[in-house]
Amino acid sequence: MGEVLNNQSFSLCVLCVADLDKPVDVSEAKKAISQILLSENSRFSSIVTRDEKGVLNWEKTEVNVDDHVFVLHFPPHLSLYDKHIEEYISDLHLSKLDPSRPLWEFHFINYKTTKGEAIAILKLDNMLGDGTSIVSLARACSTIPRNHTLISSPSQHTQHPPISTRKYSQTQTTAWHGPEFITRIWNGLLTLVLVMWYTLHDLITTFLISKWMEDSRFPIRGHPGVELLPKVMASCTFTLQDIGEIKERVDGGVDEMAKGNSFGLLFLGMPMKKLKNPLEYVRRAKHMLDKKKMSLAAFLQSKVLRYIT
C-alpha cells in the first residue's frame, strides 16, 4: 500500500486531532516523541528512497524532533479560538510534507476551545499507516498499561454455542442423498460461473473507465482543481460503547487489523435515475454490492498495482 500511495497524484495525509484538558508541555512532548514514538515505529525515523532498480525502500535517518514539532501562536485576548483552529487545520490539508525528512509532524495549539484547553495534531503521510494502525500506535505510546484494553473483548459479551461432539451413526454418514448432492454440485458450478463473469466484467469496466470512459456529471462530482481548495472540518462523535459493539459485530480487533491490509480498487456505480421509493436505492445498492462481493477484481487489481509500482 505504501508503494501505491508514494505518488504525487495521491499525496494522502492523515490528521489525528486530540482535544486536551490541559495545555501541552512542549519540552516533555518532544522527549516522549524521541523516547517512545520513534522507538515504537521505525517508519517515523525513516525516509522513502528508491534504489538503482527503482524499488522503494524505507531507509533509517537521523531525526531532529525540532523539525517536526510546531507550536502555534494566535492573536491574544480571545476567549475561544475554535474558528482560528478550524482554519489552521483546513490549511494543513493543503500543505505537503517534506520528502527529505520522515513524513510526520506534530502541531501543538495551547489555546482554549469549546472542547478543551489545548489541541494536539499529528499529521502523517498515509504511507506510515492507516487509521487503525495509528490508533494501535497511540495506545502503545499512551500511559495506559500495555495489557489493558479500552474496548472489552468480544468473548465477554458474546456467548458462542458449544461445539457439538455427538457422533453420527454409520447409516447417517454413508446414506446416499442423491438430489441433495446434485443440488450442491449445481450450486457450486453456478457460483463458479458467476464469480468468473463478475470478475471479468469488473476488470473490463475498470480498464475502460481508467482509459476512455468518463464519469457522468452530477452535483456531488468535483470540478478539476477541487483538490486544491480549502477543506472544511466536520466531526461526528461515537462513544466507546458504540465502537465496542461494532467490534463485536464484525468479530475483529485493533491488533488483528493492524497486522496489515491490502490495497485495491473497486468502482461502485451511483444510481442516476430519480426513484419514487427511497428504499429502492437501498435495494439496488445491496444488489450491486452482492455482485461485487462475488468478484475477484479487487484482489487481482491489488496484484496489478503491486506489479506496476
C-alpha atoms as a PDB file:
ATOM      1  CA  MET A   1       0.000   0.000   0.000  1.00  0.00           C
ATOM      2  CA  GLY A   2       2.883   2.335   0.730  1.00  0.00           C
ATOM      3  CA  GLU A   3       4.230   1.844  -2.793  1.00  0.00           C
ATOM      4  CA  VAL A   4       0.875   2.781  -4.318  1.00  0.00           C
ATOM      5  CA  LEU A   5       0.493   5.852  -2.103  1.00  0.00           C
ATOM      6  CA  ASN A   6       4.011   7.101  -2.921  1.00  0.00           C
ATOM      7  CA  ASN A   7       2.598   9.034  -5.837  1.00  0.00           C
ATOM      8  CA  GLN A   8       2.186  12.754  -6.433  1.00  0.00           C
ATOM      9  CA  SER A   9      -1.328  12.124  -7.713  1.00  0.00           C
ATOM     10  CA  PHE A  10      -2.404  10.845  -4.291  1.00  0.00           C
ATOM     11  CA  SER A  11      -0.449  12.803  -1.665  1.00  0.00           C
ATOM     12  CA  LEU A  12      -2.742  11.487   1.048  1.00  0.00           C
ATOM     13  CA  CYS A  13      -2.203  12.548   4.638  1.00  0.00           C
ATOM     14  CA  VAL A  14      -3.857  11.539   7.892  1.00  0.00           C
ATOM     15  CA  LEU A  15      -4.697  14.172  10.505  1.00  0.00           C
ATOM     16  CA  CYS A  16      -5.171  12.974  14.079  1.00  0.00           C
ATOM     17  CA  VAL A  17      -6.685  15.739  16.221  1.00  0.00           C
ATOM     18  CA  ALA A  18      -6.809  15.365  20.020  1.00  0.00           C
ATOM     19  CA  ASP A  19      -8.673  17.753  22.338  1.00  0.00           C
ATOM     20  CA  LEU A  20      -6.799  18.048  25.642  1.00  0.00           C
ATOM     21  CA  ASP A  21      -7.967  19.107  29.087  1.00  0.00           C
ATOM     22  CA  LYS A  22      -4.732  20.966  29.886  1.00  0.00           C
ATOM     23  CA  PRO A  23      -2.006  22.805  27.912  1.00  0.00           C
ATOM     24  CA  VAL A  24       0.802  20.828  26.334  1.00  0.00           C
ATOM     25  CA  ASP A  25       4.259  20.893  27.890  1.00  0.00           C
ATOM     26  CA  VAL A  26       6.137  21.064  24.582  1.00  0.00           C
ATOM     27  CA  SER A  27       9.526  20.092  26.029  1.00  0.00           C
ATOM     28  CA  GLU A  28       8.045  16.978  27.651  1.00  0.00           C
ATOM     29  CA  ALA A  29       6.169  16.187  24.441  1.00  0.00           C
ATOM     30  CA  LYS A  30       9.409  16.270  22.462  1.00  0.00           C
ATOM     31  CA  LYS A  31      11.025  13.884  24.933  1.00  0.00           C
ATOM     32  CA  ALA A  32       8.084  11.492  24.627  1.00  0.00           C
ATOM     33  CA  ILE A  33       8.284  11.645  20.839  1.00  0.00           C
ATOM     34  CA  SER A  34      12.008  10.874  20.888  1.00  0.00           C
ATOM     35  CA  GLN A  35      11.887   8.133  23.517  1.00  0.00           C
ATOM     36  CA  ILE A  36       8.603   6.408  22.705  1.00  0.00           C
ATOM     37  CA  LEU A  37       7.183   7.235  19.285  1.00  0.00           C
ATOM     38  CA  LEU A  38      10.413   6.831  17.331  1.00  0.00           C
ATOM     39  CA  SER A  39      11.184   3.544  19.058  1.00  0.00           C
ATOM     40  CA  GLU A  40       7.684   2.079  18.604  1.00  0.00           C
ATOM     41  CA  ASN A  41       7.565   2.527  14.828  1.00  0.00           C
ATOM     42  CA  SER A  42      10.735   2.586  12.739  1.00  0.00           C
ATOM     43  CA  ARG A  43       8.982   4.358   9.854  1.00  0.00           C
ATOM     44  CA  PHE A  44       8.785   7.503  11.963  1.00  0.00           C
ATOM     45  CA  SER A  45      12.584   7.654  11.732  1.00  0.00           C
ATOM     46  CA  SER A  46      12.863   6.607   8.089  1.00  0.00           C
ATOM     47  CA  ILE A  47      12.543   8.202   4.671  1.00  0.00           C
ATOM     48  CA  VAL A  48      11.478   6.647   1.371  1.00  0.00           C
ATOM     49  CA  THR A  49      14.310   6.045  -1.087  1.00  0.00           C
ATOM     50  CA  ARG A  50      14.479   4.409  -4.497  1.00  0.00           C
ATOM     51  CA  ASP A  51      17.407   2.142  -5.399  1.00  0.00           C
ATOM     52  CA  GLU A  52      19.072   1.707  -8.784  1.00  0.00           C
ATOM     53  CA  LYS A  53      16.408  -0.820  -9.804  1.00  0.00           C
ATOM     54  CA  GLY A  54      13.603   1.603  -8.994  1.00  0.00           C
ATOM     55  CA  VAL A  55      12.486  -0.317  -5.896  1.00  0.00           C
ATOM     56  CA  LEU A  56      11.188   1.757  -2.995  1.00  0.00           C
ATOM     57  CA  ASN A  57      12.705   1.167   0.432  1.00  0.00           C
ATOM     58  CA  TRP A  58      12.486   2.566   3.940  1.00  0.00           C
ATOM     59  CA  GLU A  59      15.888   3.981   4.931  1.00  0.00           C
ATOM     60  CA  LYS A  60      16.749   4.904   8.520  1.00  0.00           C
ATOM     61  CA  THR A  61      17.807   8.502   9.056  1.00  0.00           C
ATOM     62  CA  GLU A  62      18.671  10.867  11.876  1.00  0.00           C
ATOM     63  CA  VAL A  63      15.602  12.673  13.186  1.00  0.00           C
ATOM     64  CA  ASN A  64      15.697  16.197  14.559  1.00  0.00           C
ATOM     65  CA  VAL A  65      12.450  16.375  16.530  1.00  0.00           C
ATOM     66  CA  ASP A  66      12.508  20.190  16.388  1.00  0.00           C
ATOM     67  CA  ASP A  67      11.984  19.962  12.610  1.00  0.00           C
ATOM     68  CA  HIS A  68       8.745  18.041  13.168  1.00  0.00           C
ATOM     69  CA  VAL A  69       7.180  19.916  16.093  1.00  0.00           C
ATOM     70  CA  PHE A  70       5.319  23.183  15.591  1.00  0.00           C
ATOM     71  CA  VAL A  71       3.823  25.413  18.287  1.00  0.00           C
ATOM     72  CA  LEU A  72       1.073  27.729  17.097  1.00  0.00           C
ATOM     73  CA  HIS A  73       0.596  31.346  18.108  1.00  0.00           C
ATOM     74  CA  PHE A  74      -2.696  33.172  17.548  1.00  0.00           C
ATOM     75  CA  PRO A  75      -3.848  36.723  18.352  1.00  0.00           C
ATOM     76  CA  PRO A  76      -4.115  37.142  22.152  1.00  0.00           C
ATOM     77  CA  HIS A  77      -7.043  38.096  24.383  1.00  0.00           C
ATOM     78  CA  LEU A  78      -9.699  35.938  22.679  1.00  0.00           C
ATOM     79  CA  SER A  79     -11.986  33.826  24.828  1.00  0.00           C
ATOM     80  CA  LEU A  80     -12.210  30.923  22.353  1.00  0.00           C
ATOM     81  CA  TYR A  81     -10.129  30.013  19.317  1.00  0.00           C
ATOM     82  CA  ASP A  82     -12.339  27.489  17.527  1.00  0.00           C
ATOM     83  CA  LYS A  83     -12.505  29.436  14.261  1.00  0.00           C
ATOM     84  CA  HIS A  84      -8.757  30.042  14.102  1.00  0.00           C
ATOM     85  CA  ILE A  85      -8.040  26.384  14.761  1.00  0.00           C
ATOM     86  CA  GLU A  86     -10.544  25.188  12.150  1.00  0.00           C
ATOM     87  CA  GLU A  87      -8.895  27.429   9.560  1.00  0.00           C
ATOM     88  CA  TYR A  88      -5.457  26.177  10.546  1.00  0.00           C
ATOM     89  CA  ILE A  89      -6.490  22.522  10.250  1.00  0.00           C
ATOM     90  CA  SER A  90      -8.044  23.297   6.873  1.00  0.00           C
ATOM     91  CA  ASP A  91      -4.724  24.754   5.698  1.00  0.00           C
ATOM     92  CA  LEU A  92      -2.871  21.687   6.964  1.00  0.00           C
ATOM     93  CA  HIS A  93      -4.731  19.596   4.380  1.00  0.00           C
ATOM     94  CA  LEU A  94      -3.188  21.634   1.569  1.00  0.00           C
ATOM     95  CA  SER A  95       0.434  21.708   2.751  1.00  0.00           C
ATOM     96  CA  LYS A  96       2.761  18.907   1.676  1.00  0.00           C
ATOM     97  CA  LEU A  97       5.255  17.055   3.842  1.00  0.00           C
ATOM     98  CA  ASP A  98       8.958  17.354   3.085  1.00  0.00           C
ATOM     99  CA  PRO A  99      10.056  14.042   1.472  1.00  0.00           C
ATOM    100  CA  SER A 100      13.667  14.595   2.609  1.00  0.00           C
ATOM    101  CA  ARG A 101      12.538  14.055   6.213  1.00  0.00           C
ATOM    102  CA  PRO A 102      10.344  11.414   7.872  1.00  0.00           C
ATOM    103  CA  LEU A 103       6.775  12.070   6.769  1.00  0.00           C
ATOM    104  CA  TRP A 104       5.123  13.253  10.007  1.00  0.00           C
ATOM    105  CA  GLU A 105       4.578  16.426  12.029  1.00  0.00           C
ATOM    106  CA  PHE A 106       3.151  17.403  15.421  1.00  0.00           C
ATOM    107  CA  HIS A 107       1.272  20.680  15.842  1.00  0.00           C
ATOM    108  CA  PHE A 108       0.528  21.871  19.378  1.00  0.00           C
ATOM    109  CA  ILE A 109      -2.071  24.586  19.956  1.00  0.00           C
ATOM    110  CA  ASN A 110      -2.240  25.792  23.569  1.00  0.00           C
ATOM    111  CA  TYR A 111      -5.414  27.839  23.190  1.00  0.00           C
ATOM    112  CA  LYS A 112      -8.810  27.275  24.731  1.00  0.00           C
ATOM    113  CA  THR A 113     -11.686  25.954  22.640  1.00  0.00           C
ATOM    114  CA  THR A 114     -15.204  24.791  23.375  1.00  0.00           C
ATOM    115  CA  LYS A 115     -13.841  21.249  23.704  1.00  0.00           C
ATOM    116  CA  GLY A 116     -10.765  21.725  25.844  1.00  0.00           C
ATOM    117  CA  GLU A 117      -7.755  23.745  26.912  1.00  0.00           C
ATOM    118  CA  ALA A 118      -5.451  22.718  24.067  1.00  0.00           C
ATOM    119  CA  ILE A 119      -5.208  20.679  20.877  1.00  0.00           C
ATOM    120  CA  ALA A 120      -2.534  18.305  19.589  1.00  0.00           C
ATOM    121  CA  ILE A 121      -2.460  17.433  15.887  1.00  0.00           C
ATOM    122  CA  LEU A 122      -0.463  14.632  14.329  1.00  0.00           C
ATOM    123  CA  LYS A 123      -0.080  14.914  10.570  1.00  0.00           C
ATOM    124  CA  LEU A 124       1.477  11.985   8.762  1.00  0.00           C
ATOM    125  CA  ASP A 125       1.640  10.565   5.289  1.00  0.00           C
ATOM    126  CA  ASN A 126      -0.701   7.656   4.602  1.00  0.00           C
ATOM    127  CA  MET A 127       2.363   5.536   3.790  1.00  0.00           C
ATOM    128  CA  LEU A 128       3.167   5.426   7.501  1.00  0.00           C
ATOM    129  CA  GLY A 129      -0.136   3.781   8.333  1.00  0.00           C
ATOM    130  CA  ASP A 130      -3.919   3.927   8.170  1.00  0.00           C
ATOM    131  CA  GLY A 131      -6.395   4.930  10.845  1.00  0.00           C
ATOM    132  CA  THR A 132      -6.405   1.528  12.533  1.00  0.00           C
ATOM    133  CA  SER A 133      -2.628   1.220  12.802  1.00  0.00           C
ATOM    134  CA  ILE A 134      -2.333   4.790  14.101  1.00  0.00           C
ATOM    135  CA  VAL A 135      -4.902   4.079  16.819  1.00  0.00           C
ATOM    136  CA  SER A 136      -2.905   0.998  17.769  1.00  0.00           C
ATOM    137  CA  LEU A 137       0.275   3.074  17.870  1.00  0.00           C
ATOM    138  CA  ALA A 138      -1.394   5.744  20.010  1.00  0.00           C
ATOM    139  CA  ARG A 139      -2.466   3.090  22.503  1.00  0.00           C
ATOM    140  CA  ALA A 140       1.087   1.743  22.646  1.00  0.00           C
ATOM    141  CA  CYS A 141       2.526   5.225  23.264  1.00  0.00           C
ATOM    142  CA  SER A 142      -0.038   6.236  25.883  1.00  0.00           C
ATOM    143  CA  THR A 143       0.249   5.880  29.637  1.00  0.00           C
ATOM    144  CA  ILE A 144      -2.374   3.086  29.620  1.00  0.00           C
ATOM    145  CA  PRO A 145      -0.788  -0.245  30.652  1.00  0.00           C
ATOM    146  CA  ARG A 146       0.002  -2.446  27.664  1.00  0.00           C
ATOM    147  CA  ASN A 147      -2.198  -5.273  28.898  1.00  0.00           C
ATOM    148  CA  HIS A 148      -5.216  -3.023  29.384  1.00  0.00           C
ATOM    149  CA  THR A 149      -7.789  -2.764  26.612  1.00  0.00           C
ATOM    150  CA  LEU A 150     -10.094   0.211  26.208  1.00  0.00           C
ATOM    151  CA  ILE A 151     -12.666  -1.931  24.468  1.00  0.00           C
ATOM    152  CA  SER A 152     -13.682  -5.146  26.123  1.00  0.00           C
ATOM    153  CA  SER A 153     -13.074  -8.435  24.373  1.00  0.00           C
ATOM    154  CA  PRO A 154     -15.958  -9.837  22.321  1.00  0.00           C
ATOM    155  CA  SER A 155     -15.759 -13.021  24.355  1.00  0.00           C
ATOM    156  CA  GLN A 156     -17.015 -11.140  27.415  1.00  0.00           C
ATOM    157  CA  HIS A 157     -20.293 -10.353  25.727  1.00  0.00           C
ATOM    158  CA  THR A 158     -20.786 -12.946  23.026  1.00  0.00           C
ATOM    159  CA  GLN A 159     -21.830 -16.414  24.076  1.00  0.00           C
ATOM    160  CA  HIS A 160     -20.741 -18.787  21.355  1.00  0.00           C
ATOM    161  CA  PRO A 161     -22.658 -22.070  21.191  1.00  0.00           C
ATOM    162  CA  PRO A 162     -20.708 -25.112  22.359  1.00  0.00           C
ATOM    163  CA  ILE A 163     -19.182 -27.336  19.721  1.00  0.00           C
ATOM    164  CA  SER A 164     -21.229 -30.462  19.253  1.00  0.00           C
ATOM    165  CA  THR A 165     -19.384 -33.694  19.993  1.00  0.00           C
ATOM    166  CA  ARG A 166     -22.232 -36.015  19.006  1.00  0.00           C
ATOM    167  CA  LYS A 167     -21.150 -38.946  16.896  1.00  0.00           C
ATOM    168  CA  TYR A 168     -23.339 -39.802  13.949  1.00  0.00           C
ATOM    169  CA  SER A 169     -24.164 -43.381  13.203  1.00  0.00           C
ATOM    170  CA  GLN A 170     -22.711 -45.248  10.270  1.00  0.00           C
ATOM    171  CA  THR A 171     -26.011 -45.121   8.423  1.00  0.00           C
ATOM    172  CA  GLN A 172     -26.131 -41.348   8.721  1.00  0.00           C
ATOM    173  CA  THR A 173     -22.643 -40.810   7.284  1.00  0.00           C
ATOM    174  CA  THR A 174     -22.940 -43.269   4.433  1.00  0.00           C
ATOM    175  CA  ALA A 175     -26.526 -42.633   3.371  1.00  0.00           C
ATOM    176  CA  TRP A 176     -26.946 -41.572  -0.270  1.00  0.00           C
ATOM    177  CA  HIS A 177     -28.582 -38.220  -0.722  1.00  0.00           C
ATOM    178  CA  GLY A 178     -28.728 -38.051  -4.480  1.00  0.00           C
ATOM    179  CA  PRO A 179     -30.889 -34.949  -5.014  1.00  0.00           C
ATOM    180  CA  GLU A 180     -29.047 -33.013  -2.308  1.00  0.00           C
ATOM    181  CA  PHE A 181     -25.658 -33.963  -3.787  1.00  0.00           C
ATOM    182  CA  ILE A 182     -26.698 -32.900  -7.285  1.00  0.00           C
ATOM    183  CA  THR A 183     -28.056 -29.626  -5.936  1.00  0.00           C
ATOM    184  CA  ARG A 184     -24.747 -28.860  -4.230  1.00  0.00           C
ATOM    185  CA  ILE A 185     -22.804 -29.612  -7.404  1.00  0.00           C
ATOM    186  CA  TRP A 186     -25.135 -27.396  -9.439  1.00  0.00           C
ATOM    187  CA  ASN A 187     -24.923 -24.533  -6.931  1.00  0.00           C
ATOM    188  CA  GLY A 188     -21.136 -24.828  -6.861  1.00  0.00           C
ATOM    189  CA  LEU A 189     -20.868 -24.679 -10.659  1.00  0.00           C
ATOM    190  CA  LEU A 190     -23.298 -21.759 -10.815  1.00  0.00           C
ATOM    191  CA  THR A 191     -21.293 -19.889  -8.195  1.00  0.00           C
ATOM    192  CA  LEU A 192     -18.069 -20.518 -10.101  1.00  0.00           C
ATOM    193  CA  VAL A 193     -19.586 -19.204 -13.337  1.00  0.00           C
ATOM    194  CA  LEU A 194     -20.929 -16.100 -11.587  1.00  0.00           C
ATOM    195  CA  VAL A 195     -17.565 -15.391  -9.927  1.00  0.00           C
ATOM    196  CA  MET A 196     -15.789 -15.646 -13.284  1.00  0.00           C
ATOM    197  CA  TRP A 197     -18.390 -13.467 -15.028  1.00  0.00           C
ATOM    198  CA  TYR A 198     -18.470 -10.730 -12.350  1.00  0.00           C
ATOM    199  CA  THR A 199     -14.666 -10.699 -12.155  1.00  0.00           C
ATOM    200  CA  LEU A 200     -14.288 -10.362 -15.917  1.00  0.00           C
ATOM    201  CA  HIS A 201     -16.989  -7.677 -16.025  1.00  0.00           C
ATOM    202  CA  ASP A 202     -15.342  -5.618 -13.260  1.00  0.00           C
ATOM    203  CA  LEU A 203     -11.861  -5.903 -14.776  1.00  0.00           C
ATOM    204  CA  ILE A 204     -13.046  -4.777 -18.203  1.00  0.00           C
ATOM    205  CA  THR A 205     -15.121  -1.960 -16.702  1.00  0.00           C
ATOM    206  CA  THR A 206     -12.187  -0.742 -14.617  1.00  0.00           C
ATOM    207  CA  PHE A 207      -9.906  -0.766 -17.655  1.00  0.00           C
ATOM    208  CA  LEU A 208     -12.395   1.164 -19.783  1.00  0.00           C
ATOM    209  CA  ILE A 209     -13.045   3.745 -17.039  1.00  0.00           C
ATOM    210  CA  SER A 210      -9.337   4.309 -16.442  1.00  0.00           C
ATOM    211  CA  LYS A 211      -8.598   4.722 -20.172  1.00  0.00           C
ATOM    212  CA  TRP A 212     -11.577   6.129 -22.054  1.00  0.00           C
ATOM    213  CA  MET A 213     -14.864   6.273 -20.183  1.00  0.00           C
ATOM    214  CA  GLU A 214     -15.748   9.298 -18.082  1.00  0.00           C
ATOM    215  CA  ASP A 215     -17.998   9.506 -15.064  1.00  0.00           C
ATOM    216  CA  SER A 216     -21.363  11.172 -15.536  1.00  0.00           C
ATOM    217  CA  ARG A 217     -21.730  14.775 -14.447  1.00  0.00           C
ATOM    218  CA  PHE A 218     -23.837  15.201 -11.321  1.00  0.00           C
ATOM    219  CA  PRO A 219     -23.924  17.642  -8.375  1.00  0.00           C
ATOM    220  CA  ILE A 220     -21.547  15.872  -5.969  1.00  0.00           C
ATOM    221  CA  ARG A 221     -18.799  15.405  -8.562  1.00  0.00           C
ATOM    222  CA  GLY A 222     -15.931  17.828  -8.044  1.00  0.00           C
ATOM    223  CA  HIS A 223     -14.631  20.007 -10.844  1.00  0.00           C
ATOM    224  CA  PRO A 224     -10.967  19.992 -11.971  1.00  0.00           C
ATOM    225  CA  GLY A 225      -8.741  21.560  -9.313  1.00  0.00           C
ATOM    226  CA  VAL A 226     -11.123  20.846  -6.440  1.00  0.00           C
ATOM    227  CA  GLU A 227      -8.306  19.068  -4.604  1.00  0.00           C
ATOM    228  CA  LEU A 228      -6.528  22.423  -4.230  1.00  0.00           C
ATOM    229  CA  LEU A 229      -9.436  24.127  -2.476  1.00  0.00           C
ATOM    230  CA  PRO A 230      -9.523  24.513   1.337  1.00  0.00           C
ATOM    231  CA  LYS A 231     -11.176  21.744   3.288  1.00  0.00           C
ATOM    232  CA  VAL A 232     -13.901  22.216   5.886  1.00  0.00           C
ATOM    233  CA  MET A 233     -13.695  20.117   9.019  1.00  0.00           C
ATOM    234  CA  ALA A 234     -16.748  18.149  10.112  1.00  0.00           C
ATOM    235  CA  SER A 235     -16.893  15.954  13.183  1.00  0.00           C
ATOM    236  CA  CYS A 236     -19.068  13.133  14.437  1.00  0.00           C
ATOM    237  CA  THR A 237     -18.913  11.710  17.959  1.00  0.00           C
ATOM    238  CA  PHE A 238     -19.021   7.990  18.757  1.00  0.00           C
ATOM    239  CA  THR A 239     -18.915   6.528  22.237  1.00  0.00           C
ATOM    240  CA  LEU A 240     -16.570   3.719  23.206  1.00  0.00           C
ATOM    241  CA  GLN A 241     -19.670   1.593  23.722  1.00  0.00           C
ATOM    242  CA  ASP A 242     -20.590   2.148  20.069  1.00  0.00           C
ATOM    243  CA  ILE A 243     -17.103   1.159  18.935  1.00  0.00           C
ATOM    244  CA  GLY A 244     -17.182  -1.890  21.185  1.00  0.00           C
ATOM    245  CA  GLU A 245     -20.489  -3.019  19.707  1.00  0.00           C
ATOM    246  CA  ILE A 246     -19.166  -2.635  16.163  1.00  0.00           C
ATOM    247  CA  LYS A 247     -16.063  -4.596  17.141  1.00  0.00           C
ATOM    248  CA  GLU A 248     -18.224  -7.410  18.469  1.00  0.00           C
ATOM    249  CA  ARG A 249     -20.494  -7.487  15.418  1.00  0.00           C
ATOM    250  CA  VAL A 250     -17.579  -7.857  12.994  1.00  0.00           C
ATOM    251  CA  ASP A 251     -15.719 -10.165  15.385  1.00  0.00           C
ATOM    252  CA  GLY A 252     -12.475  -8.247  14.921  1.00  0.00           C
ATOM    253  CA  GLY A 253      -9.867  -6.419  16.945  1.00  0.00           C
ATOM    254  CA  VAL A 254      -7.454  -3.479  16.518  1.00  0.00           C
ATOM    255  CA  ASP A 255      -4.469  -5.889  16.941  1.00  0.00           C
ATOM    256  CA  GLU A 256      -5.673  -8.131  14.099  1.00  0.00           C
ATOM    257  CA  MET A 257      -6.388  -5.243  11.722  1.00  0.00           C
ATOM    258  CA  ALA A 258      -3.027  -3.614  12.460  1.00  0.00           C
ATOM    259  CA  LYS A 259      -1.129  -6.635  11.107  1.00  0.00           C
ATOM    260  CA  GLY A 260      -1.561  -5.310   7.589  1.00  0.00           C
ATOM    261  CA  ASN A 261      -4.017  -4.896   4.773  1.00  0.00           C
ATOM    262  CA  SER A 262      -4.162  -4.954   1.013  1.00  0.00           C
ATOM    263  CA  PHE A 263      -4.893  -2.103  -1.328  1.00  0.00           C
ATOM    264  CA  GLY A 264      -7.153  -2.443  -4.333  1.00  0.00           C
ATOM    265  CA  LEU A 265      -9.612  -0.529  -6.461  1.00  0.00           C
ATOM    266  CA  LEU A 266     -13.287  -1.231  -6.912  1.00  0.00           C
ATOM    267  CA  PHE A 267     -15.637   1.018  -8.847  1.00  0.00           C
ATOM    268  CA  LEU A 268     -19.149   1.418  -7.475  1.00  0.00           C
ATOM    269  CA  GLY A 269     -21.793   2.998  -9.647  1.00  0.00           C
ATOM    270  CA  MET A 270     -24.280   5.519  -8.317  1.00  0.00           C
ATOM    271  CA  PRO A 271     -27.936   5.372  -9.391  1.00  0.00           C
ATOM    272  CA  MET A 272     -28.647   8.334 -11.648  1.00  0.00           C
ATOM    273  CA  LYS A 273     -32.378   7.816 -12.060  1.00  0.00           C
ATOM    274  CA  LYS A 274     -34.861   9.514  -9.766  1.00  0.00           C
ATOM    275  CA  LEU A 275     -36.827   6.812  -7.996  1.00  0.00           C
ATOM    276  CA  LYS A 276     -40.145   7.320  -6.244  1.00  0.00           C
ATOM    277  CA  ASN A 277     -39.478   4.850  -3.452  1.00  0.00           C
ATOM    278  CA  PRO A 278     -36.294   5.773  -1.484  1.00  0.00           C
ATOM    279  CA  LEU A 279     -35.887   2.154  -0.377  1.00  0.00           C
ATOM    280  CA  GLU A 280     -35.317   1.223  -3.997  1.00  0.00           C
ATOM    281  CA  TYR A 281     -31.920   2.961  -3.791  1.00  0.00           C
ATOM    282  CA  VAL A 282     -31.034   0.671  -0.875  1.00  0.00           C
ATOM    283  CA  ARG A 283     -32.216  -2.422  -2.722  1.00  0.00           C
ATOM    284  CA  ARG A 284     -30.224  -1.538  -5.818  1.00  0.00           C
ATOM    285  CA  ALA A 285     -27.132  -0.741  -3.746  1.00  0.00           C
ATOM    286  CA  LYS A 286     -27.377  -4.099  -1.946  1.00  0.00           C
ATOM    287  CA  HIS A 287     -27.867  -5.938  -5.227  1.00  0.00           C
ATOM    288  CA  MET A 288     -24.777  -4.234  -6.659  1.00  0.00           C
ATOM    289  CA  LEU A 289     -22.656  -4.941  -3.562  1.00  0.00           C
ATOM    290  CA  ASP A 290     -23.711  -8.590  -3.532  1.00  0.00           C
ATOM    291  CA  LYS A 291     -22.312  -8.915  -7.042  1.00  0.00           C
ATOM    292  CA  LYS A 292     -19.124  -7.061  -6.102  1.00  0.00           C
ATOM    293  CA  LYS A 293     -18.572  -9.463  -3.195  1.00  0.00           C
ATOM    294  CA  MET A 294     -18.502 -12.368  -5.642  1.00  0.00           C
ATOM    295  CA  SER A 295     -15.947 -10.632  -7.852  1.00  0.00           C
ATOM    296  CA  LEU A 296     -12.197 -11.199  -7.533  1.00  0.00           C
ATOM    297  CA  ALA A 297     -11.447  -7.932  -9.341  1.00  0.00           C
ATOM    298  CA  ALA A 298     -10.280  -6.036  -6.231  1.00  0.00           C
ATOM    299  CA  PHE A 299      -7.865  -8.842  -5.340  1.00  0.00           C
ATOM    300  CA  LEU A 300      -6.485  -9.046  -8.889  1.00  0.00           C
ATOM    301  CA  GLN A 301      -6.197  -5.272  -9.181  1.00  0.00           C
ATOM    302  CA  SER A 302      -4.170  -5.263  -5.967  1.00  0.00           C
ATOM    303  CA  LYS A 303      -1.711  -7.633  -7.626  1.00  0.00           C
ATOM    304  CA  VAL A 304      -1.600  -5.484 -10.767  1.00  0.00           C
ATOM    305  CA  LEU A 305      -0.974  -2.315  -8.728  1.00  0.00           C
ATOM    306  CA  ARG A 306       1.890  -4.007  -6.910  1.00  0.00           C
ATOM    307  CA  TYR A 307       3.372  -5.089 -10.235  1.00  0.00           C
ATOM    308  CA  ILE A 308       3.184  -1.709 -11.990  1.00  0.00           C
ATOM    309  CA  THR A 309       4.503   0.239  -8.972  1.00  0.00           C
END
